[in-house]
């Protein structure tokens, strides 16, 4: 009898762990995913690292579905590191990414990895069209990346909060371009969701934060405090980083077509 109960408990725990993935699967099987690889150049080989990364991307990741862009982290604990980002492409296309039959892996190992430190974390981000706002074509320059740690089993409640935030910005600042992305894999790094603002000038950093005012103009007077409560109940914390696009190291010129993000 104890053995049977133990098996049932294990099955229940396993099912609970799968809940986030099952919810995502219900939204559709074919969706865009970004592969983000964080790289750290060897301090004595930065020039060689950048030259090798630029040449590799121009040769293997300059067109089509596997085009890759590179960003330089400008703030926080990851300052000085590079983000190599490929996508968005569906999971069904991942197995067809460039491999060693055309010398891809050998080139990466000899000209990129050889000049980088060993630790290179990889994350996979699902592009969320519903909460993003791509209304015009633009070129990448600067990114403000706002990453959130969502409390366990609070995904549904958090999505309700995110719906309200998205409505505020689409109503009050519809010309701003931003993307929302969800981490495809469980992690203990506080990187469950990322809200990315794309901007040219850093002058916006000194502007007054109008979000509390805008929130009540959209959702009603006195609603902002309720929002803060709901936000606190569904998240553990957040981290913000500033990234700069490096066209010299990328496989593209950073052109973003709004139609491709719908």
C-alpha atoms as a PDB file:
ATOM      1  CA  UNK A   1       0.000   0.000   0.000  1.00  0.00           C
ATOM      2  CA  UNK A   2       2.828   2.399   0.849  1.00  0.00           C
ATOM      3  CA  UNK A   3       4.505   1.610  -2.463  1.00  0.00           C
ATOM      4  CA  UNK A   4       1.330   2.440  -4.425  1.00  0.00           C
ATOM      5  CA  UNK A   5       0.916   5.781  -2.629  1.00  0.00           C
ATOM      6  CA  UNK A   6       4.573   6.587  -3.259  1.00  0.00           C
ATOM      7  CA  UNK A   7       4.151   5.971  -6.992  1.00  0.00           C
ATOM      8  CA  UNK A   8       1.030   8.128  -7.095  1.00  0.00           C
ATOM      9  CA  UNK A   9       2.849  10.941  -5.283  1.00  0.00           C
ATOM     10  CA  UNK A  10       5.744  10.798  -7.731  1.00  0.00           C
ATOM     11  CA  UNK A  11       3.352  10.895 -10.691  1.00  0.00           C
ATOM     12  CA  UNK A  12       1.523  13.888  -9.206  1.00  0.00           C
ATOM     13  CA  UNK A  13       4.763  15.800  -8.596  1.00  0.00           C
ATOM     14  CA  UNK A  14       5.934  15.040 -12.125  1.00  0.00           C
ATOM     15  CA  UNK A  15       2.616  16.267 -13.547  1.00  0.00           C
ATOM     16  CA  UNK A  16       2.893  19.500 -11.568  1.00  0.00           C
ATOM     17  CA  UNK A  17       6.400  20.084 -12.915  1.00  0.00           C
ATOM     18  CA  UNK A  18       5.050  19.705 -16.449  1.00  0.00           C
ATOM     19  CA  UNK A  19       2.239  22.248 -16.028  1.00  0.00           C
ATOM     20  CA  UNK A  20       4.148  25.239 -17.516  1.00  0.00           C
ATOM     21  CA  UNK A  21       5.149  23.201 -20.572  1.00  0.00           C
ATOM     22  CA  UNK A  22       1.647  21.832 -21.089  1.00  0.00           C
ATOM     23  CA  UNK A  23       0.184  25.342 -20.959  1.00  0.00           C
ATOM     24  CA  UNK A  24       2.677  26.519 -23.562  1.00  0.00           C
ATOM     25  CA  UNK A  25       1.957  23.551 -25.804  1.00  0.00           C
ATOM     26  CA  UNK A  26      -1.753  24.401 -25.837  1.00  0.00           C
ATOM     27  CA  UNK A  27      -0.942  27.754 -27.470  1.00  0.00           C
ATOM     28  CA  UNK A  28       0.310  26.091 -30.638  1.00  0.00           C
ATOM     29  CA  UNK A  29       3.081  23.813 -31.782  1.00  0.00           C
ATOM     30  CA  UNK A  30       4.848  26.024 -34.335  1.00  0.00           C
ATOM     31  CA  UNK A  31       6.205  29.251 -32.850  1.00  0.00           C
ATOM     32  CA  UNK A  32       9.385  31.294 -32.990  1.00  0.00           C
ATOM     33  CA  UNK A  33      12.253  30.639 -30.572  1.00  0.00           C
ATOM     34  CA  UNK A  34      15.454  32.638 -30.058  1.00  0.00           C
ATOM     35  CA  UNK A  35      18.632  30.804 -29.086  1.00  0.00           C
ATOM     36  CA  UNK A  36      20.775  33.064 -26.883  1.00  0.00           C
ATOM     37  CA  UNK A  37      24.359  32.076 -26.117  1.00  0.00           C
ATOM     38  CA  UNK A  38      26.303  34.207 -23.624  1.00  0.00           C
ATOM     39  CA  UNK A  39      30.004  34.389 -24.463  1.00  0.00           C
ATOM     40  CA  UNK A  40      32.944  35.789 -22.515  1.00  0.00           C
ATOM     41  CA  UNK A  41      36.051  36.655 -24.504  1.00  0.00           C
ATOM     42  CA  UNK A  42      39.398  35.663 -23.028  1.00  0.00           C
ATOM     43  CA  UNK A  43      40.802  38.921 -21.575  1.00  0.00           C
ATOM     44  CA  UNK A  44      44.021  38.545 -23.585  1.00  0.00           C
ATOM     45  CA  UNK A  45      42.316  37.498 -26.823  1.00  0.00           C
ATOM     46  CA  UNK A  46      39.457  39.976 -27.295  1.00  0.00           C
ATOM     47  CA  UNK A  47      40.632  41.077 -30.761  1.00  0.00           C
ATOM     48  CA  UNK A  48      40.989  37.480 -31.945  1.00  0.00           C
ATOM     49  CA  UNK A  49      37.620  36.566 -30.422  1.00  0.00           C
ATOM     50  CA  UNK A  50      35.778  39.415 -32.134  1.00  0.00           C
ATOM     51  CA  UNK A  51      37.484  38.774 -35.485  1.00  0.00           C
ATOM     52  CA  UNK A  52      36.622  35.090 -35.335  1.00  0.00           C
ATOM     53  CA  UNK A  53      33.012  35.726 -34.277  1.00  0.00           C
ATOM     54  CA  UNK A  54      32.467  38.286 -37.031  1.00  0.00           C
ATOM     55  CA  UNK A  55      33.912  36.000 -39.724  1.00  0.00           C
ATOM     56  CA  UNK A  56      31.915  33.001 -38.477  1.00  0.00           C
ATOM     57  CA  UNK A  57      28.604  34.869 -38.542  1.00  0.00           C
ATOM     58  CA  UNK A  58      29.253  36.355 -41.967  1.00  0.00           C
ATOM     59  CA  UNK A  59      30.018  32.893 -43.325  1.00  0.00           C
ATOM     60  CA  UNK A  60      27.409  30.723 -41.594  1.00  0.00           C
ATOM     61  CA  UNK A  61      24.726  33.007 -40.096  1.00  0.00           C
ATOM     62  CA  UNK A  62      24.184  35.875 -42.523  1.00  0.00           C
ATOM     63  CA  UNK A  63      20.899  34.916 -44.162  1.00  0.00           C
ATOM     64  CA  UNK A  64      17.762  32.826 -43.859  1.00  0.00           C
ATOM     65  CA  UNK A  65      16.321  31.278 -40.730  1.00  0.00           C
ATOM     66  CA  UNK A  66      19.685  30.848 -39.008  1.00  0.00           C
ATOM     67  CA  UNK A  67      20.775  34.467 -39.186  1.00  0.00           C
ATOM     68  CA  UNK A  68      22.510  35.552 -35.970  1.00  0.00           C
ATOM     69  CA  UNK A  69      23.032  38.890 -34.208  1.00  0.00           C
ATOM     70  CA  UNK A  70      25.501  39.850 -31.499  1.00  0.00           C
ATOM     71  CA  UNK A  71      24.920  42.204 -28.558  1.00  0.00           C
ATOM     72  CA  UNK A  72      27.415  43.615 -26.054  1.00  0.00           C
ATOM     73  CA  UNK A  73      26.222  43.764 -22.430  1.00  0.00           C
ATOM     74  CA  UNK A  74      26.645  47.329 -21.163  1.00  0.00           C
ATOM     75  CA  UNK A  75      25.560  47.019 -17.511  1.00  0.00           C
ATOM     76  CA  UNK A  76      25.214  44.740 -14.507  1.00  0.00           C
ATOM     77  CA  UNK A  77      27.164  41.656 -13.484  1.00  0.00           C
ATOM     78  CA  UNK A  78      27.419  40.507 -17.119  1.00  0.00           C
ATOM     79  CA  UNK A  79      29.072  43.720 -18.337  1.00  0.00           C
ATOM     80  CA  UNK A  80      31.631  43.000 -21.046  1.00  0.00           C
ATOM     81  CA  UNK A  81      30.027  39.747 -22.188  1.00  0.00           C
ATOM     82  CA  UNK A  82      28.495  39.051 -25.590  1.00  0.00           C
ATOM     83  CA  UNK A  83      25.059  37.666 -26.464  1.00  0.00           C
ATOM     84  CA  UNK A  84      24.992  35.607 -29.657  1.00  0.00           C
ATOM     85  CA  UNK A  85      21.337  35.390 -30.692  1.00  0.00           C
ATOM     86  CA  UNK A  86      19.817  33.277 -33.485  1.00  0.00           C
ATOM     87  CA  UNK A  87      16.158  33.303 -34.463  1.00  0.00           C
ATOM     88  CA  UNK A  88      13.275  33.333 -34.204  1.00  0.00           C
ATOM     89  CA  UNK A  89      12.898  29.850 -35.637  1.00  0.00           C
ATOM     90  CA  UNK A  90      10.532  27.000 -34.632  1.00  0.00           C
ATOM     91  CA  UNK A  91      11.804  24.048 -32.660  1.00  0.00           C
ATOM     92  CA  UNK A  92      11.103  21.884 -35.706  1.00  0.00           C
ATOM     93  CA  UNK A  93      13.916  23.695 -37.534  1.00  0.00           C
ATOM     94  CA  UNK A  94      16.513  23.451 -34.750  1.00  0.00           C
ATOM     95  CA  UNK A  95      17.849  20.086 -35.926  1.00  0.00           C
ATOM     96  CA  UNK A  96      18.633  21.571 -39.329  1.00  0.00           C
ATOM     97  CA  UNK A  97      20.820  24.379 -37.969  1.00  0.00           C
ATOM     98  CA  UNK A  98      24.352  24.586 -39.452  1.00  0.00           C
ATOM     99  CA  UNK A  99      26.419  21.577 -38.349  1.00  0.00           C
ATOM    100  CA  UNK A 100      29.860  20.265 -39.193  1.00  0.00           C
ATOM    101  CA  UNK A 101      29.094  18.886 -42.650  1.00  0.00           C
ATOM    102  CA  UNK A 102      29.972  22.330 -44.011  1.00  0.00           C
ATOM    103  CA  UNK A 103      32.727  23.052 -41.506  1.00  0.00           C
ATOM    104  CA  UNK A 104      30.518  25.064 -39.161  1.00  0.00           C
ATOM    105  CA  UNK A 105      31.523  23.414 -35.880  1.00  0.00           C
ATOM    106  CA  UNK A 106      35.225  23.276 -36.716  1.00  0.00           C
ATOM    107  CA  UNK A 107      35.187  26.963 -37.607  1.00  0.00           C
ATOM    108  CA  UNK A 108      33.424  27.871 -34.347  1.00  0.00           C
ATOM    109  CA  UNK A 109      35.793  25.800 -32.227  1.00  0.00           C
ATOM    110  CA  UNK A 110      38.939  27.131 -33.887  1.00  0.00           C
ATOM    111  CA  UNK A 111      38.013  30.791 -34.320  1.00  0.00           C
ATOM    112  CA  UNK A 112      35.465  31.589 -31.597  1.00  0.00           C
ATOM    113  CA  UNK A 113      35.532  29.066 -28.728  1.00  0.00           C
ATOM    114  CA  UNK A 114      39.331  28.976 -28.720  1.00  0.00           C
ATOM    115  CA  UNK A 115      39.390  32.678 -27.747  1.00  0.00           C
ATOM    116  CA  UNK A 116      36.566  32.527 -25.185  1.00  0.00           C
ATOM    117  CA  UNK A 117      36.207  31.337 -21.607  1.00  0.00           C
ATOM    118  CA  UNK A 118      34.647  27.896 -21.160  1.00  0.00           C
ATOM    119  CA  UNK A 119      31.441  28.964 -19.414  1.00  0.00           C
ATOM    120  CA  UNK A 120      28.838  29.726 -22.097  1.00  0.00           C
ATOM    121  CA  UNK A 121      25.234  29.464 -20.831  1.00  0.00           C
ATOM    122  CA  UNK A 122      22.506  28.958 -23.444  1.00  0.00           C
ATOM    123  CA  UNK A 123      18.853  29.998 -23.103  1.00  0.00           C
ATOM    124  CA  UNK A 124      15.868  29.489 -25.424  1.00  0.00           C
ATOM    125  CA  UNK A 125      13.247  32.224 -25.579  1.00  0.00           C
ATOM    126  CA  UNK A 126       9.741  31.879 -26.987  1.00  0.00           C
ATOM    127  CA  UNK A 127       8.606  35.018 -28.797  1.00  0.00           C
ATOM    128  CA  UNK A 128       5.242  36.256 -27.485  1.00  0.00           C
ATOM    129  CA  UNK A 129       3.412  38.103 -30.250  1.00  0.00           C
ATOM    130  CA  UNK A 130       0.376  38.917 -28.089  1.00  0.00           C
ATOM    131  CA  UNK A 131       2.262  41.090 -25.613  1.00  0.00           C
ATOM    132  CA  UNK A 132       4.836  42.516 -28.034  1.00  0.00           C
ATOM    133  CA  UNK A 133       4.540  45.671 -30.111  1.00  0.00           C
ATOM    134  CA  UNK A 134       6.200  45.760 -33.530  1.00  0.00           C
ATOM    135  CA  UNK A 135       4.306  48.390 -35.500  1.00  0.00           C
ATOM    136  CA  UNK A 136       7.053  49.679 -37.803  1.00  0.00           C
ATOM    137  CA  UNK A 137      10.319  48.618 -39.391  1.00  0.00           C
ATOM    138  CA  UNK A 138      13.497  49.689 -37.591  1.00  0.00           C
ATOM    139  CA  UNK A 139      17.163  48.868 -37.089  1.00  0.00           C
ATOM    140  CA  UNK A 140      18.601  47.453 -33.902  1.00  0.00           C
ATOM    141  CA  UNK A 141      20.810  49.785 -31.884  1.00  0.00           C
ATOM    142  CA  UNK A 142      20.253  49.693 -28.106  1.00  0.00           C
ATOM    143  CA  UNK A 143      18.187  47.321 -25.972  1.00  0.00           C
ATOM    144  CA  UNK A 144      16.850  47.629 -22.420  1.00  0.00           C
ATOM    145  CA  UNK A 145      16.282  44.048 -21.246  1.00  0.00           C
ATOM    146  CA  UNK A 146      13.965  43.623 -18.248  1.00  0.00           C
ATOM    147  CA  UNK A 147      14.010  40.033 -16.929  1.00  0.00           C
ATOM    148  CA  UNK A 148      11.502  38.667 -14.416  1.00  0.00           C
ATOM    149  CA  UNK A 149      11.502  35.714 -12.039  1.00  0.00           C
ATOM    150  CA  UNK A 150       7.921  34.370 -12.029  1.00  0.00           C
ATOM    151  CA  UNK A 151       6.769  32.542  -8.900  1.00  0.00           C
ATOM    152  CA  UNK A 152       6.199  28.838  -9.279  1.00  0.00           C
ATOM    153  CA  UNK A 153       2.657  27.896 -10.371  1.00  0.00           C
ATOM    154  CA  UNK A 154       1.763  31.600 -10.749  1.00  0.00           C
ATOM    155  CA  UNK A 155       2.041  31.674 -14.541  1.00  0.00           C
ATOM    156  CA  UNK A 156      -1.680  32.120 -15.221  1.00  0.00           C
ATOM    157  CA  UNK A 157      -2.030  34.925 -12.682  1.00  0.00           C
ATOM    158  CA  UNK A 158       1.088  36.620 -14.019  1.00  0.00           C
ATOM    159  CA  UNK A 159      -0.261  36.524 -17.576  1.00  0.00           C
ATOM    160  CA  UNK A 160      -3.272  38.470 -16.325  1.00  0.00           C
ATOM    161  CA  UNK A 161      -0.942  41.119 -14.885  1.00  0.00           C
ATOM    162  CA  UNK A 162       1.021  41.194 -18.140  1.00  0.00           C
ATOM    163  CA  UNK A 163      -2.202  41.712 -20.109  1.00  0.00           C
ATOM    164  CA  UNK A 164      -2.892  44.865 -18.083  1.00  0.00           C
ATOM    165  CA  UNK A 165       0.659  46.200 -18.514  1.00  0.00           C
ATOM    166  CA  UNK A 166       0.555  45.592 -22.262  1.00  0.00           C
ATOM    167  CA  UNK A 167      -2.767  47.419 -22.554  1.00  0.00           C
ATOM    168  CA  UNK A 168      -1.269  50.450 -20.794  1.00  0.00           C
ATOM    169  CA  UNK A 169       1.703  50.766 -23.130  1.00  0.00           C
ATOM    170  CA  UNK A 170      -0.233  49.984 -26.307  1.00  0.00           C
ATOM    171  CA  UNK A 171      -2.734  52.682 -25.322  1.00  0.00           C
ATOM    172  CA  UNK A 172      -0.364  55.372 -24.041  1.00  0.00           C
ATOM    173  CA  UNK A 173       2.831  54.722 -26.019  1.00  0.00           C
ATOM    174  CA  UNK A 174       1.849  52.787 -29.165  1.00  0.00           C
ATOM    175  CA  UNK A 175       4.775  54.046 -31.276  1.00  0.00           C
ATOM    176  CA  UNK A 176       7.326  52.431 -28.947  1.00  0.00           C
ATOM    177  CA  UNK A 177       8.743  49.099 -30.139  1.00  0.00           C
ATOM    178  CA  UNK A 178       9.156  46.220 -27.695  1.00  0.00           C
ATOM    179  CA  UNK A 179       9.248  42.438 -27.576  1.00  0.00           C
ATOM    180  CA  UNK A 180       8.181  39.978 -24.886  1.00  0.00           C
ATOM    181  CA  UNK A 181       9.847  36.569 -24.562  1.00  0.00           C
ATOM    182  CA  UNK A 182       9.396  33.573 -22.242  1.00  0.00           C
ATOM    183  CA  UNK A 183      12.178  31.177 -21.290  1.00  0.00           C
ATOM    184  CA  UNK A 184      11.371  27.749 -22.704  1.00  0.00           C
ATOM    185  CA  UNK A 185      13.234  25.842 -19.965  1.00  0.00           C
ATOM    186  CA  UNK A 186      12.968  25.864 -16.187  1.00  0.00           C
ATOM    187  CA  UNK A 187      15.811  27.705 -14.482  1.00  0.00           C
ATOM    188  CA  UNK A 188      16.955  28.995 -11.106  1.00  0.00           C
ATOM    189  CA  UNK A 189      18.467  32.172 -12.533  1.00  0.00           C
ATOM    190  CA  UNK A 190      15.405  34.417 -12.365  1.00  0.00           C
ATOM    191  CA  UNK A 191      15.073  34.457 -16.144  1.00  0.00           C
ATOM    192  CA  UNK A 192      11.511  33.368 -16.834  1.00  0.00           C
ATOM    193  CA  UNK A 193      10.341  36.319 -18.915  1.00  0.00           C
ATOM    194  CA  UNK A 194      12.078  39.172 -20.714  1.00  0.00           C
ATOM    195  CA  UNK A 195      10.544  42.482 -21.821  1.00  0.00           C
ATOM    196  CA  UNK A 196      12.876  44.154 -24.321  1.00  0.00           C
ATOM    197  CA  UNK A 197      12.624  47.818 -25.318  1.00  0.00           C
ATOM    198  CA  UNK A 198      14.419  48.891 -28.483  1.00  0.00           C
ATOM    199  CA  UNK A 199      15.744  52.460 -28.544  1.00  0.00           C
ATOM    200  CA  UNK A 200      18.183  54.747 -30.352  1.00  0.00           C
ATOM    201  CA  UNK A 201      18.889  57.473 -27.798  1.00  0.00           C
ATOM    202  CA  UNK A 202      19.623  56.889 -24.106  1.00  0.00           C
ATOM    203  CA  UNK A 203      17.965  60.205 -23.209  1.00  0.00           C
ATOM    204  CA  UNK A 204      14.782  58.302 -22.288  1.00  0.00           C
ATOM    205  CA  UNK A 205      16.587  57.040 -19.175  1.00  0.00           C
ATOM    206  CA  UNK A 206      16.272  60.496 -17.593  1.00  0.00           C
ATOM    207  CA  UNK A 207      12.596  60.946 -18.449  1.00  0.00           C
ATOM    208  CA  UNK A 208       9.927  60.843 -15.751  1.00  0.00           C
ATOM    209  CA  UNK A 209       8.374  57.424 -15.209  1.00  0.00           C
ATOM    210  CA  UNK A 210       4.728  57.915 -16.173  1.00  0.00           C
ATOM    211  CA  UNK A 211       3.663  54.292 -15.822  1.00  0.00           C
ATOM    212  CA  UNK A 212       1.759  54.723 -12.501  1.00  0.00           C
ATOM    213  CA  UNK A 213      -0.152  57.678 -13.989  1.00  0.00           C
ATOM    214  CA  UNK A 214      -0.762  55.902 -17.285  1.00  0.00           C
ATOM    215  CA  UNK A 215      -1.930  52.744 -15.506  1.00  0.00           C
ATOM    216  CA  UNK A 216      -4.700  54.585 -13.665  1.00  0.00           C
ATOM    217  CA  UNK A 217      -5.703  56.530 -16.777  1.00  0.00           C
ATOM    218  CA  UNK A 218      -6.231  53.203 -18.570  1.00  0.00           C
ATOM    219  CA  UNK A 219      -7.550  50.967 -15.767  1.00  0.00           C
ATOM    220  CA  UNK A 220      -9.187  53.480 -13.447  1.00  0.00           C
ATOM    221  CA  UNK A 221      -8.327  55.723 -10.529  1.00  0.00           C
ATOM    222  CA  UNK A 222      -6.812  53.925  -7.546  1.00  0.00           C
ATOM    223  CA  UNK A 223      -5.949  50.733  -9.448  1.00  0.00           C
ATOM    224  CA  UNK A 224      -2.179  51.087  -9.391  1.00  0.00           C
ATOM    225  CA  UNK A 225      -1.787  49.880  -5.802  1.00  0.00           C
ATOM    226  CA  UNK A 226      -3.761  46.744  -6.665  1.00  0.00           C
ATOM    227  CA  UNK A 227      -1.422  46.242  -9.614  1.00  0.00           C
ATOM    228  CA  UNK A 228       1.629  46.421  -7.335  1.00  0.00           C
ATOM    229  CA  UNK A 229       0.053  43.827  -5.035  1.00  0.00           C
ATOM    230  CA  UNK A 230      -0.688  41.447  -7.928  1.00  0.00           C
ATOM    231  CA  UNK A 231       2.781  41.988  -9.372  1.00  0.00           C
ATOM    232  CA  UNK A 232       4.364  41.173  -5.999  1.00  0.00           C
ATOM    233  CA  UNK A 233       2.229  38.077  -5.568  1.00  0.00           C
ATOM    234  CA  UNK A 234       3.266  36.608  -8.933  1.00  0.00           C
ATOM    235  CA  UNK A 235       6.980  37.500  -9.176  1.00  0.00           C
ATOM    236  CA  UNK A 236      10.064  37.094  -7.010  1.00  0.00           C
ATOM    237  CA  UNK A 237      12.197  39.861  -8.475  1.00  0.00           C
ATOM    238  CA  UNK A 238      13.637  41.413 -11.595  1.00  0.00           C
ATOM    239  CA  UNK A 239      16.940  42.300 -13.270  1.00  0.00           C
ATOM    240  CA  UNK A 240      17.568  44.909 -15.953  1.00  0.00           C
ATOM    241  CA  UNK A 241      20.464  45.062 -18.393  1.00  0.00           C
ATOM    242  CA  UNK A 242      21.420  47.391 -21.237  1.00  0.00           C
ATOM    243  CA  UNK A 243      22.688  45.783 -24.450  1.00  0.00           C
ATOM    244  CA  UNK A 244      24.272  47.388 -27.510  1.00  0.00           C
ATOM    245  CA  UNK A 245      23.892  45.841 -30.953  1.00  0.00           C
ATOM    246  CA  UNK A 246      27.216  45.019 -32.623  1.00  0.00           C
ATOM    247  CA  UNK A 247      26.617  45.074 -36.393  1.00  0.00           C
ATOM    248  CA  UNK A 248      30.337  44.515 -37.001  1.00  0.00           C
ATOM    249  CA  UNK A 249      30.095  41.108 -35.304  1.00  0.00           C
ATOM    250  CA  UNK A 250      26.624  40.099 -36.531  1.00  0.00           C
ATOM    251  CA  UNK A 251      25.331  38.217 -39.525  1.00  0.00           C
ATOM    252  CA  UNK A 252      22.859  41.011 -40.343  1.00  0.00           C
ATOM    253  CA  UNK A 253      22.678  44.793 -40.346  1.00  0.00           C
ATOM    254  CA  UNK A 254      20.038  44.681 -37.599  1.00  0.00           C
ATOM    255  CA  UNK A 255      17.024  45.435 -39.799  1.00  0.00           C
ATOM    256  CA  UNK A 256      13.759  44.337 -38.164  1.00  0.00           C
ATOM    257  CA  UNK A 257      10.683  43.964 -40.354  1.00  0.00           C
ATOM    258  CA  UNK A 258       7.497  44.468 -38.369  1.00  0.00           C
ATOM    259  CA  UNK A 259       5.634  41.975 -40.579  1.00  0.00           C
ATOM    260  CA  UNK A 260       7.988  39.202 -39.466  1.00  0.00           C
ATOM    261  CA  UNK A 261       7.132  39.837 -35.809  1.00  0.00           C
ATOM    262  CA  UNK A 262       3.354  39.614 -36.123  1.00  0.00           C
END
